[in-house]
Amino acid sequence: MYQNKITLSPQEILEKEFKIDTRGYRLKEVDQFLDTVIADYEQFFQIINQMEQEKADLLKEIMNLKQELRNAKTNAEIAKNHEPGVGETNNVDILRRLSQLEKMVYGKQEE
């Protein structure tokens, strides 16, 4: 994913050889190489920071989802253990009452 942004591989750094001049290594060549290494390190730090932020966001989301799951389980247990008829009506009770009312209303109209 980040391979296109990184210029040097560890193997390339390890195997890098500088040409020797009369006074030692060519300073310009060494400076260019070090600039590339520095740029790579800066890119690595940016990637690490982005991933750390993404990790923190994902952990926060996981915690929220776990809390929602706990709440849903609690609500499901409450609904499962709740006994209808104790001060409340359920759909079957409502349908029975409606049916009785219809019989009373329509039954009296026919008489």
PDB file of N, CA and C in Angstrom:
ATOM      1  N   MET A   1       0.827  -1.184   0.000  1.00  0.00           N
ATOM      2  CA  MET A   1       0.000   0.000   0.000  1.00  0.00           C
ATOM      3  C   MET A   1       0.877   1.255   0.000  1.00  0.00           C
ATOM      4  N   TYR A   2       1.902   1.255   0.828  1.00  0.00           N
ATOM      5  CA  TYR A   2       2.782   2.406   0.922  1.00  0.00           C
ATOM      6  C   TYR A   2       4.075   2.197   0.144  1.00  0.00           C
ATOM      7  N   GLN A   3       4.169   1.102  -0.592  1.00  0.00           N
ATOM      8  CA  GLN A   3       5.415   0.766  -1.280  1.00  0.00           C
ATOM      9  C   GLN A   3       5.802   1.820  -2.327  1.00  0.00           C
ATOM     10  N   ASN A   4       4.841   2.470  -2.947  1.00  0.00           N
ATOM     11  CA  ASN A   4       5.154   3.448  -3.984  1.00  0.00           C
ATOM     12  C   ASN A   4       5.730   4.737  -3.406  1.00  0.00           C
ATOM     13  N   LYS A   5       5.509   4.990  -2.126  1.00  0.00           N
ATOM     14  CA  LYS A   5       5.988   6.217  -1.511  1.00  0.00           C
ATOM     15  C   LYS A   5       7.403   6.074  -0.950  1.00  0.00           C
ATOM     16  N   ILE A   6       7.866   4.862  -0.746  1.00  0.00           N
ATOM     17  CA  ILE A   6       9.177   4.612  -0.156  1.00  0.00           C
ATOM     18  C   ILE A   6      10.171   4.341  -1.275  1.00  0.00           C
ATOM     19  N   THR A   7      11.242   5.120  -1.286  1.00  0.00           N
ATOM     20  CA  THR A   7      12.230   5.022  -2.362  1.00  0.00           C
ATOM     21  C   THR A   7      13.226   3.897  -2.139  1.00  0.00           C
ATOM     22  N   LEU A   8      13.709   3.748  -0.922  1.00  0.00           N
ATOM     23  CA  LEU A   8      14.779   2.784  -0.641  1.00  0.00           C
ATOM     24  C   LEU A   8      14.266   1.603   0.171  1.00  0.00           C
ATOM     25  N   SER A   9      14.799   0.442  -0.177  1.00  0.00           N
ATOM     26  CA  SER A   9      14.524  -0.735   0.639  1.00  0.00           C
ATOM     27  C   SER A   9      15.699  -0.914   1.608  1.00  0.00           C
ATOM     28  N   PRO A  10      15.500  -1.644   2.696  1.00  0.00           N
ATOM     29  CA  PRO A  10      16.621  -1.875   3.604  1.00  0.00           C
ATOM     30  C   PRO A  10      17.818  -2.513   2.905  1.00  0.00           C
ATOM     31  N   GLN A  11      17.547  -3.389   1.948  1.00  0.00           N
ATOM     32  CA  GLN A  11      18.631  -4.047   1.226  1.00  0.00           C
ATOM     33  C   GLN A  11      19.430  -3.040   0.383  1.00  0.00           C
ATOM     34  N   GLU A  12      18.731  -2.085  -0.233  1.00  0.00           N
ATOM     35  CA  GLU A  12      19.419  -1.074  -1.033  1.00  0.00           C
ATOM     36  C   GLU A  12      20.309  -0.184  -0.163  1.00  0.00           C
ATOM     37  N   ILE A  13      19.838   0.147   1.023  1.00  0.00           N
ATOM     38  CA  ILE A  13      20.652   0.951   1.938  1.00  0.00           C
ATOM     39  C   ILE A  13      21.885   0.166   2.357  1.00  0.00           C
ATOM     40  N   LEU A  14      21.674  -1.118   2.662  1.00  0.00           N
ATOM     41  CA  LEU A  14      22.778  -1.965   3.108  1.00  0.00           C
ATOM     42  C   LEU A  14      23.843  -2.118   2.017  1.00  0.00           C
ATOM     43  N   GLU A  15      23.387  -2.277   0.780  1.00  0.00           N
ATOM     44  CA  GLU A  15      24.320  -2.557  -0.310  1.00  0.00           C
ATOM     45  C   GLU A  15      24.854  -1.303  -1.005  1.00  0.00           C
ATOM     46  N   LYS A  16      24.465  -0.122  -0.561  1.00  0.00           N
ATOM     47  CA  LYS A  16      24.899   1.113  -1.220  1.00  0.00           C
ATOM     48  C   LYS A  16      26.409   1.278  -1.093  1.00  0.00           C
ATOM     49  N   GLU A  17      27.042   1.508  -2.246  1.00  0.00           N
ATOM     50  CA  GLU A  17      28.478   1.753  -2.265  1.00  0.00           C
ATOM     51  C   GLU A  17      28.718   3.110  -2.924  1.00  0.00           C
ATOM     52  N   PHE A  18      29.562   3.915  -2.306  1.00  0.00           N
ATOM     53  CA  PHE A  18      29.899   5.229  -2.844  1.00  0.00           C
ATOM     54  C   PHE A  18      31.242   5.135  -3.570  1.00  0.00           C
ATOM     55  N   LYS A  19      31.353   5.903  -4.616  1.00  0.00           N
ATOM     56  CA  LYS A  19      32.621   5.940  -5.344  1.00  0.00           C
ATOM     57  C   LYS A  19      33.617   6.766  -4.548  1.00  0.00           C
ATOM     58  N   ILE A  20      34.832   6.311  -4.542  1.00  0.00           N
ATOM     59  CA  ILE A  20      35.871   6.973  -3.762  1.00  0.00           C
ATOM     60  C   ILE A  20      36.583   7.987  -4.655  1.00  0.00           C
ATOM     61  N   ASP A  21      36.703   9.181  -4.139  1.00  0.00           N
ATOM     62  CA  ASP A  21      37.395  10.269  -4.816  1.00  0.00           C
ATOM     63  C   ASP A  21      38.795  10.367  -4.227  1.00  0.00           C
ATOM     64  N   THR A  22      39.548  11.337  -4.646  1.00  0.00           N
ATOM     65  CA  THR A  22      40.901  11.503  -4.109  1.00  0.00           C
ATOM     66  C   THR A  22      40.881  11.853  -2.626  1.00  0.00           C
ATOM     67  N   ARG A  23      39.832  12.502  -2.159  1.00  0.00           N
ATOM     68  CA  ARG A  23      39.722  12.864  -0.752  1.00  0.00           C
ATOM     69  C   ARG A  23      38.777  11.937   0.011  1.00  0.00           C
ATOM     70  N   GLY A  24      38.297  10.920  -0.601  1.00  0.00           N
ATOM     71  CA  GLY A  24      37.339  10.022   0.041  1.00  0.00           C
ATOM     72  C   GLY A  24      36.074   9.910  -0.808  1.00  0.00           C
ATOM     73  N   TYR A  25      34.967   9.697  -0.156  1.00  0.00           N
ATOM     74  CA  TYR A  25      33.703   9.582  -0.887  1.00  0.00           C
ATOM     75  C   TYR A  25      33.309  10.921  -1.480  1.00  0.00           C
ATOM     76  N   ARG A  26      32.582  10.871  -2.572  1.00  0.00           N
ATOM     77  CA  ARG A  26      32.091  12.103  -3.199  1.00  0.00           C
ATOM     78  C   ARG A  26      30.989  12.679  -2.317  1.00  0.00           C
ATOM     79  N   LEU A  27      31.198  13.855  -1.796  1.00  0.00           N
ATOM     80  CA  LEU A  27      30.277  14.458  -0.847  1.00  0.00           C
ATOM     81  C   LEU A  27      28.886  14.684  -1.451  1.00  0.00           C
ATOM     82  N   LYS A  28      28.835  15.095  -2.686  1.00  0.00           N
ATOM     83  CA  LYS A  28      27.550  15.362  -3.333  1.00  0.00           C
ATOM     84  C   LYS A  28      26.723  14.075  -3.410  1.00  0.00           C
ATOM     85  N   GLU A  29      27.371  12.970  -3.776  1.00  0.00           N
ATOM     86  CA  GLU A  29      26.691  11.678  -3.889  1.00  0.00           C
ATOM     87  C   GLU A  29      26.188  11.205  -2.515  1.00  0.00           C
ATOM     88  N   VAL A  30      27.018  11.364  -1.494  1.00  0.00           N
ATOM     89  CA  VAL A  30      26.635  10.968  -0.133  1.00  0.00           C
ATOM     90  C   VAL A  30      25.475  11.831   0.356  1.00  0.00           C
ATOM     91  N   ASP A  31      25.553  13.136   0.097  1.00  0.00           N
ATOM     92  CA  ASP A  31      24.487  14.040   0.521  1.00  0.00           C
ATOM     93  C   ASP A  31      23.161  13.695  -0.165  1.00  0.00           C
ATOM     94  N   GLN A  32      23.200  13.388  -1.450  1.00  0.00           N
ATOM     95  CA  GLN A  32      21.981  13.014  -2.170  1.00  0.00           C
ATOM     96  C   GLN A  32      21.375  11.730  -1.589  1.00  0.00           C
ATOM     97  N   PHE A  33      22.250  10.778  -1.300  1.00  0.00           N
ATOM     98  CA  PHE A  33      21.767   9.521  -0.733  1.00  0.00           C
ATOM     99  C   PHE A  33      21.144   9.760   0.640  1.00  0.00           C
ATOM    100  N   LEU A  34      21.808  10.558   1.466  1.00  0.00           N
ATOM    101  CA  LEU A  34      21.282  10.844   2.801  1.00  0.00           C
ATOM    102  C   LEU A  34      19.969  11.622   2.723  1.00  0.00           C
ATOM    103  N   ASP A  35      19.829  12.503   1.746  1.00  0.00           N
ATOM    104  CA  ASP A  35      18.563  13.212   1.558  1.00  0.00           C
ATOM    105  C   ASP A  35      17.436  12.240   1.247  1.00  0.00           C
ATOM    106  N   THR A  36      17.734  11.243   0.429  1.00  0.00           N
ATOM    107  CA  THR A  36      16.734  10.223   0.105  1.00  0.00           C
ATOM    108  C   THR A  36      16.367   9.411   1.341  1.00  0.00           C
ATOM    109  N   VAL A  37      17.365   9.039   2.134  1.00  0.00           N
ATOM    110  CA  VAL A  37      17.119   8.284   3.370  1.00  0.00           C
ATOM    111  C   VAL A  37      16.260   9.109   4.324  1.00  0.00           C
ATOM    112  N   ILE A  38      16.587  10.381   4.465  1.00  0.00           N
ATOM    113  CA  ILE A  38      15.828  11.268   5.347  1.00  0.00           C
ATOM    114  C   ILE A  38      14.384  11.394   4.872  1.00  0.00           C
ATOM    115  N   ALA A  39      14.196  11.546   3.564  1.00  0.00           N
ATOM    116  CA  ALA A  39      12.841  11.641   3.019  1.00  0.00           C
ATOM    117  C   ALA A  39      12.048  10.368   3.317  1.00  0.00           C
ATOM    118  N   ASP A  40      12.712   9.215   3.194  1.00  0.00           N
ATOM    119  CA  ASP A  40      12.047   7.951   3.502  1.00  0.00           C
ATOM    120  C   ASP A  40      11.652   7.873   4.979  1.00  0.00           C
ATOM    121  N   TYR A  41      12.542   8.294   5.831  1.00  0.00           N
ATOM    122  CA  TYR A  41      12.236   8.271   7.271  1.00  0.00           C
ATOM    123  C   TYR A  41      11.056   9.189   7.585  1.00  0.00           C
ATOM    124  N   GLU A  42      11.027  10.357   6.955  1.00  0.00           N
ATOM    125  CA  GLU A  42       9.895  11.258   7.155  1.00  0.00           C
ATOM    126  C   GLU A  42       8.600  10.603   6.696  1.00  0.00           C
ATOM    127  N   GLN A  43       8.658   9.898   5.563  1.00  0.00           N
ATOM    128  CA  GLN A  43       7.478   9.194   5.047  1.00  0.00           C
ATOM    129  C   GLN A  43       7.059   8.077   6.006  1.00  0.00           C
ATOM    130  N   PHE A  44       8.035   7.355   6.536  1.00  0.00           N
ATOM    131  CA  PHE A  44       7.729   6.300   7.504  1.00  0.00           C
ATOM    132  C   PHE A  44       7.027   6.878   8.732  1.00  0.00           C
ATOM    133  N   PHE A  45       7.509   8.003   9.216  1.00  0.00           N
ATOM    134  CA  PHE A  45       6.887   8.617  10.393  1.00  0.00           C
ATOM    135  C   PHE A  45       5.461   9.062  10.089  1.00  0.00           C
ATOM    136  N   GLN A  46       5.235   9.613   8.908  1.00  0.00           N
ATOM    137  CA  GLN A  46       3.877  10.007   8.525  1.00  0.00           C
ATOM    138  C   GLN A  46       2.956   8.784   8.470  1.00  0.00           C
ATOM    139  N   ILE A  47       3.460   7.709   7.883  1.00  0.00           N
ATOM    140  CA  ILE A  47       2.669   6.476   7.780  1.00  0.00           C
ATOM    141  C   ILE A  47       2.361   5.943   9.172  1.00  0.00           C
ATOM    142  N   ILE A  48       3.348   5.940  10.030  1.00  0.00           N
ATOM    143  CA  ILE A  48       3.141   5.442  11.397  1.00  0.00           C
ATOM    144  C   ILE A  48       2.101   6.291  12.123  1.00  0.00           C
ATOM    145  N   ASN A  49       2.201   7.610  11.991  1.00  0.00           N
ATOM    146  CA  ASN A  49       1.231   8.493  12.645  1.00  0.00           C
ATOM    147  C   ASN A  49      -0.180   8.273  12.108  1.00  0.00           C
ATOM    148  N   GLN A  50      -0.307   8.120  10.795  1.00  0.00           N
ATOM    149  CA  GLN A  50      -1.617   7.859  10.197  1.00  0.00           C
ATOM    150  C   GLN A  50      -2.194   6.543  10.712  1.00  0.00           C
ATOM    151  N   MET A  51      -1.353   5.528  10.765  1.00  0.00           N
ATOM    152  CA  MET A  51      -1.829   4.219  11.223  1.00  0.00           C
ATOM    153  C   MET A  51      -2.189   4.245  12.707  1.00  0.00           C
ATOM    154  N   GLU A  52      -1.443   4.969  13.501  1.00  0.00           N
ATOM    155  CA  GLU A  52      -1.766   5.100  14.925  1.00  0.00           C
ATOM    156  C   GLU A  52      -3.110   5.798  15.104  1.00  0.00           C
ATOM    157  N   GLN A  53      -3.351   6.836  14.310  1.00  0.00           N
ATOM    158  CA  GLN A  53      -4.633   7.542  14.390  1.00  0.00           C
ATOM    159  C   GLN A  53      -5.771   6.632  13.946  1.00  0.00           C
ATOM    160  N   GLU A  54      -5.538   5.907  12.859  1.00  0.00           N
ATOM    161  CA  GLU A  54      -6.555   4.966  12.367  1.00  0.00           C
ATOM    162  C   GLU A  54      -6.824   3.881  13.411  1.00  0.00           C
ATOM    163  N   LYS A  55      -5.781   3.403  14.040  1.00  0.00           N
ATOM    164  CA  LYS A  55      -5.929   2.389  15.088  1.00  0.00           C
ATOM    165  C   LYS A  55      -6.756   2.927  16.252  1.00  0.00           C
ATOM    166  N   ALA A  56      -6.467   4.152  16.668  1.00  0.00           N
ATOM    167  CA  ALA A  56      -7.219   4.767  17.770  1.00  0.00           C
ATOM    168  C   ALA A  56      -8.695   4.931  17.393  1.00  0.00           C
ATOM    169  N   ASP A  57      -8.945   5.359  16.157  1.00  0.00           N
ATOM    170  CA  ASP A  57     -10.328   5.513  15.697  1.00  0.00           C
ATOM    171  C   ASP A  57     -11.051   4.169  15.672  1.00  0.00           C
ATOM    172  N   LEU A  58     -10.368   3.138  15.193  1.00  0.00           N
ATOM    173  CA  LEU A  58     -10.986   1.813  15.125  1.00  0.00           C
ATOM    174  C   LEU A  58     -11.244   1.244  16.519  1.00  0.00           C
ATOM    175  N   LEU A  59     -10.329   1.460  17.453  1.00  0.00           N
ATOM    176  CA  LEU A  59     -10.544   0.997  18.828  1.00  0.00           C
ATOM    177  C   LEU A  59     -11.743   1.706  19.457  1.00  0.00           C
ATOM    178  N   LYS A  60     -11.863   2.997  19.181  1.00  0.00           N
ATOM    179  CA  LYS A  60     -13.005   3.754  19.687  1.00  0.00           C
ATOM    180  C   LYS A  60     -14.309   3.208  19.099  1.00  0.00           C
ATOM    181  N   GLU A  61     -14.305   2.926  17.804  1.00  0.00           N
ATOM    182  CA  GLU A  61     -15.485   2.368  17.147  1.00  0.00           C
ATOM    183  C   GLU A  61     -15.820   0.988  17.703  1.00  0.00           C
ATOM    184  N   ILE A  62     -14.810   0.181  17.960  1.00  0.00           N
ATOM    185  CA  ILE A  62     -15.024  -1.148  18.543  1.00  0.00           C
ATOM    186  C   ILE A  62     -15.683  -1.021  19.912  1.00  0.00           C
ATOM    187  N   MET A  63     -15.194  -0.099  20.720  1.00  0.00           N
ATOM    188  CA  MET A  63     -15.768   0.096  22.053  1.00  0.00           C
ATOM    189  C   MET A  63     -17.234   0.523  21.956  1.00  0.00           C
ATOM    190  N   ASN A  64     -17.533   1.420  21.020  1.00  0.00           N
ATOM    191  CA  ASN A  64     -18.922   1.853  20.825  1.00  0.00           C
ATOM    192  C   ASN A  64     -19.808   0.697  20.377  1.00  0.00           C
ATOM    193  N   LEU A  65     -19.307  -0.107  19.460  1.00  0.00           N
ATOM    194  CA  LEU A  65     -20.086  -1.247  18.962  1.00  0.00           C
ATOM    195  C   LEU A  65     -20.292  -2.293  20.065  1.00  0.00           C
ATOM    196  N   LYS A  66     -19.283  -2.502  20.885  1.00  0.00           N
ATOM    197  CA  LYS A  66     -19.435  -3.437  22.001  1.00  0.00           C
ATOM    198  C   LYS A  66     -20.495  -2.944  22.976  1.00  0.00           C
ATOM    199  N   GLN A  67     -20.502  -1.629  23.243  1.00  0.00           N
ATOM    200  CA  GLN A  67     -21.507  -1.071  24.146  1.00  0.00           C
ATOM    201  C   GLN A  67     -22.909  -1.218  23.544  1.00  0.00           C
ATOM    202  N   GLU A  68     -23.038  -0.961  22.247  1.00  0.00           N
ATOM    203  CA  GLU A  68     -24.331  -1.139  21.581  1.00  0.00           C
ATOM    204  C   GLU A  68     -24.782  -2.598  21.657  1.00  0.00           C
ATOM    205  N   LEU A  69     -23.855  -3.521  21.475  1.00  0.00           N
ATOM    206  CA  LEU A  69     -24.179  -4.943  21.554  1.00  0.00           C
ATOM    207  C   LEU A  69     -24.648  -5.310  22.958  1.00  0.00           C
ATOM    208  N   ARG A  70     -23.947  -4.801  23.984  1.00  0.00           N
ATOM    209  CA  ARG A  70     -24.371  -5.056  25.369  1.00  0.00           C
ATOM    210  C   ARG A  70     -25.772  -4.509  25.616  1.00  0.00           C
ATOM    211  N   ASN A  71     -26.033  -3.304  25.132  1.00  0.00           N
ATOM    212  CA  ASN A  71     -27.358  -2.705  25.308  1.00  0.00           C
ATOM    213  C   ASN A  71     -28.432  -3.519  24.592  1.00  0.00           C
ATOM    214  N   ALA A  72     -28.121  -3.974  23.383  1.00  0.00           N
ATOM    215  CA  ALA A  72     -29.089  -4.774  22.627  1.00  0.00           C
ATOM    216  C   ALA A  72     -29.362  -6.098  23.327  1.00  0.00           C
ATOM    217  N   LYS A  73     -28.317  -6.730  23.864  1.00  0.00           N
ATOM    218  CA  LYS A  73     -28.510  -7.985  24.591  1.00  0.00           C
ATOM    219  C   LYS A  73     -29.359  -7.771  25.831  1.00  0.00           C
ATOM    220  N   THR A  74     -29.093  -6.668  26.536  1.00  0.00           N
ATOM    221  CA  THR A  74     -29.872  -6.356  27.731  1.00  0.00           C
ATOM    222  C   THR A  74     -31.337  -6.132  27.365  1.00  0.00           C
ATOM    223  N   ASN A  75     -31.578  -5.372  26.329  1.00  0.00           N
ATOM    224  CA  ASN A  75     -32.952  -5.121  25.890  1.00  0.00           C
ATOM    225  C   ASN A  75     -33.639  -6.411  25.440  1.00  0.00           C
ATOM    226  N   ALA A  76     -32.898  -7.278  24.775  1.00  0.00           N
ATOM    227  CA  ALA A  76     -33.471  -8.553  24.336  1.00  0.00           C
ATOM    228  C   ALA A  76     -33.825  -9.420  25.539  1.00  0.00           C
ATOM    229  N   GLU A  77     -32.966  -9.442  26.543  1.00  0.00           N
ATOM    230  CA  GLU A  77     -33.256 -10.208  27.754  1.00  0.00           C
ATOM    231  C   GLU A  77     -34.474  -9.656  28.476  1.00  0.00           C
ATOM    232  N   ILE A  78     -34.581  -8.344  28.547  1.00  0.00           N
ATOM    233  CA  ILE A  78     -35.733  -7.724  29.189  1.00  0.00           C
ATOM    234  C   ILE A  78     -37.008  -8.092  28.440  1.00  0.00           C
ATOM    235  N   ALA A  79     -36.959  -7.987  27.109  1.00  0.00           N
ATOM    236  CA  ALA A  79     -38.137  -8.319  26.303  1.00  0.00           C
ATOM    237  C   ALA A  79     -38.478  -9.801  26.406  1.00  0.00           C
ATOM    238  N   LYS A  80     -37.469 -10.637  26.469  1.00  0.00           N
ATOM    239  CA  LYS A  80     -37.680 -12.083  26.549  1.00  0.00           C
ATOM    240  C   LYS A  80     -38.291 -12.465  27.895  1.00  0.00           C
ATOM    241  N   ASN A  81     -37.831 -11.856  28.965  1.00  0.00           N
ATOM    242  CA  ASN A  81     -38.295 -12.191  30.297  1.00  0.00           C
ATOM    243  C   ASN A  81     -39.549 -11.437  30.713  1.00  0.00           C
ATOM    244  N   HIS A  82     -39.981 -10.480  29.914  1.00  0.00           N
ATOM    245  CA  HIS A  82     -41.159  -9.689  30.255  1.00  0.00           C
ATOM    246  C   HIS A  82     -42.415 -10.518  30.031  1.00  0.00           C
ATOM    247  N   GLU A  83     -43.291 -10.551  31.031  1.00  0.00           N
ATOM    248  CA  GLU A  83     -44.525 -11.323  30.943  1.00  0.00           C
ATOM    249  C   GLU A  83     -45.663 -10.407  30.537  1.00  0.00           C
ATOM    250  N   PRO A  84     -46.319 -10.688  29.398  1.00  0.00           N
ATOM    251  CA  PRO A  84     -47.442  -9.855  28.981  1.00  0.00           C
ATOM    252  C   PRO A  84     -48.642 -10.097  29.899  1.00  0.00           C
ATOM    253  N   GLY A  85     -49.499  -9.111  29.998  1.00  0.00           N
ATOM    254  CA  GLY A  85     -50.704  -9.252  30.794  1.00  0.00           C
ATOM    255  C   GLY A  85     -50.579  -8.653  32.175  1.00  0.00           C
ATOM    256  N   VAL A  86     -49.401  -8.293  32.572  1.00  0.00           N
ATOM    257  CA  VAL A  86     -49.215  -7.692  33.889  1.00  0.00           C
ATOM    258  C   VAL A  86     -49.252  -6.177  33.700  1.00  0.00           C
ATOM    259  N   GLY A  87     -50.470  -5.638  33.618  1.00  0.00           N
ATOM    260  CA  GLY A  87     -50.614  -4.198  33.459  1.00  0.00           C
ATOM    261  C   GLY A  87     -50.455  -3.720  32.031  1.00  0.00           C
ATOM    262  N   GLU A  88     -50.150  -4.606  31.103  1.00  0.00           N
ATOM    263  CA  GLU A  88     -49.981  -4.220  29.708  1.00  0.00           C
ATOM    264  C   GLU A  88     -50.742  -5.184  28.817  1.00  0.00           C
ATOM    265  N   THR A  89     -50.986  -4.760  27.606  1.00  0.00           N
ATOM    266  CA  THR A  89     -51.676  -5.624  26.656  1.00  0.00           C
ATOM    267  C   THR A  89     -50.743  -5.930  25.500  1.00  0.00           C
ATOM    268  N   ASN A  90     -50.958  -7.091  24.912  1.00  0.00           N
ATOM    269  CA  ASN A  90     -50.172  -7.423  23.730  1.00  0.00           C
ATOM    270  C   ASN A  90     -51.089  -7.427  22.520  1.00  0.00           C
ATOM    271  N   ASN A  91     -50.587  -7.736  21.360  1.00  0.00           N
ATOM    272  CA  ASN A  91     -51.363  -7.673  20.119  1.00  0.00           C
ATOM    273  C   ASN A  91     -52.533  -8.642  20.120  1.00  0.00           C
ATOM    274  N   VAL A  92     -52.348  -9.814  20.687  1.00  0.00           N
ATOM    275  CA  VAL A  92     -53.429 -10.810  20.715  1.00  0.00           C
ATOM    276  C   VAL A  92     -54.591 -10.286  21.550  1.00  0.00           C
ATOM    277  N   ASP A  93     -54.286  -9.671  22.693  1.00  0.00           N
ATOM    278  CA  ASP A  93     -55.337  -9.099  23.538  1.00  0.00           C
ATOM    279  C   ASP A  93     -56.096  -8.005  22.799  1.00  0.00           C
ATOM    280  N   ILE A  94     -55.380  -7.172  22.092  1.00  0.00           N
ATOM    281  CA  ILE A  94     -56.012  -6.080  21.343  1.00  0.00           C
ATOM    282  C   ILE A  94     -56.928  -6.639  20.265  1.00  0.00           C
ATOM    283  N   LEU A  95     -56.471  -7.670  19.561  1.00  0.00           N
ATOM    284  CA  LEU A  95     -57.296  -8.267  18.511  1.00  0.00           C
ATOM    285  C   LEU A  95     -58.552  -8.913  19.100  1.00  0.00           C
ATOM    286  N   ARG A  96     -58.432  -9.567  20.235  1.00  0.00           N
ATOM    287  CA  ARG A  96     -59.603 -10.163  20.889  1.00  0.00           C
ATOM    288  C   ARG A  96     -60.617  -9.086  21.276  1.00  0.00           C
ATOM    289  N   ARG A  97     -60.128  -8.016  21.857  1.00  0.00           N
ATOM    290  CA  ARG A  97     -61.029  -6.935  22.263  1.00  0.00           C
ATOM    291  C   ARG A  97     -61.704  -6.300  21.059  1.00  0.00           C
ATOM    292  N   LEU A  98     -60.943  -6.107  19.994  1.00  0.00           N
ATOM    293  CA  LEU A  98     -61.506  -5.538  18.774  1.00  0.00           C
ATOM    294  C   LEU A  98     -62.580  -6.449  18.202  1.00  0.00           C
ATOM    295  N   SER A  99     -62.299  -7.744  18.219  1.00  0.00           N
ATOM    296  CA  SER A  99     -63.274  -8.710  17.724  1.00  0.00           C
ATOM    297  C   SER A  99     -64.549  -8.667  18.555  1.00  0.00           C
ATOM    298  N   GLN A 100     -64.423  -8.586  19.887  1.00  0.00           N
ATOM    299  CA  GLN A 100     -65.599  -8.520  20.757  1.00  0.00           C
ATOM    300  C   GLN A 100     -66.390  -7.240  20.508  1.00  0.00           C
ATOM    301  N   LEU A 101     -65.680  -6.139  20.311  1.00  0.00           N
ATOM    302  CA  LEU A 101     -66.355  -4.874  20.026  1.00  0.00           C
ATOM    303  C   LEU A 101     -67.107  -4.940  18.700  1.00  0.00           C
ATOM    304  N   GLU A 102     -66.492  -5.544  17.688  1.00  0.00           N
ATOM    305  CA  GLU A 102     -67.157  -5.684  16.391  1.00  0.00           C
ATOM    306  C   GLU A 102     -68.422  -6.530  16.525  1.00  0.00           C
ATOM    307  N   LYS A 103     -68.326  -7.611  17.290  1.00  0.00           N
ATOM    308  CA  LYS A 103     -69.505  -8.452  17.498  1.00  0.00           C
ATOM    309  C   LYS A 103     -70.611  -7.670  18.193  1.00  0.00           C
ATOM    310  N   MET A 104     -70.215  -6.864  19.190  1.00  0.00           N
ATOM    311  CA  MET A 104     -71.217  -6.076  19.914  1.00  0.00           C
ATOM    312  C   MET A 104     -71.841  -5.024  19.004  1.00  0.00           C
ATOM    313  N   VAL A 105     -71.032  -4.334  18.218  1.00  0.00           N
ATOM    314  CA  VAL A 105     -71.536  -3.255  17.368  1.00  0.00           C
ATOM    315  C   VAL A 105     -72.369  -3.828  16.228  1.00  0.00           C
ATOM    316  N   TYR A 106     -71.818  -4.800  15.506  1.00  0.00           N
ATOM    317  CA  TYR A 106     -72.510  -5.350  14.345  1.00  0.00           C
ATOM    318  C   TYR A 106     -73.656  -6.241  14.780  1.00  0.00           C
ATOM    319  N   GLY A 107     -73.506  -6.891  15.917  1.00  0.00           N
ATOM    320  CA  GLY A 107     -74.591  -7.755  16.409  1.00  0.00           C
ATOM    321  C   GLY A 107     -75.798  -6.950  16.777  1.00  0.00           C
ATOM    322  N   LYS A 108     -75.638  -5.786  17.386  1.00  0.00           N
ATOM    323  CA  LYS A 108     -76.765  -4.928  17.768  1.00  0.00           C
ATOM    324  C   LYS A 108     -77.396  -4.267  16.575  1.00  0.00           C
ATOM    325  N   GLN A 109     -76.628  -4.003  15.519  1.00  0.00           N
ATOM    326  CA  GLN A 109     -77.196  -3.362  14.320  1.00  0.00           C
ATOM    327  C   GLN A 109     -78.109  -4.324  13.581  1.00  0.00           C
ATOM    328  N   GLU A 110     -77.807  -5.603  13.637  1.00  0.00           N
ATOM    329  CA  GLU A 110     -78.602  -6.575  12.905  1.00  0.00           C
ATOM    330  C   GLU A 110     -79.941  -6.796  13.578  1.00  0.00           C
ATOM    331  N   GLU A 111     -80.060  -6.605  14.886  1.00  0.00           N
ATOM    332  CA  GLU A 111     -81.304  -6.843  15.617  1.00  0.00           C
ATOM    333  C   GLU A 111     -82.334  -5.862  15.332  1.00  0.00           C
TER     334      GLU A 111
END
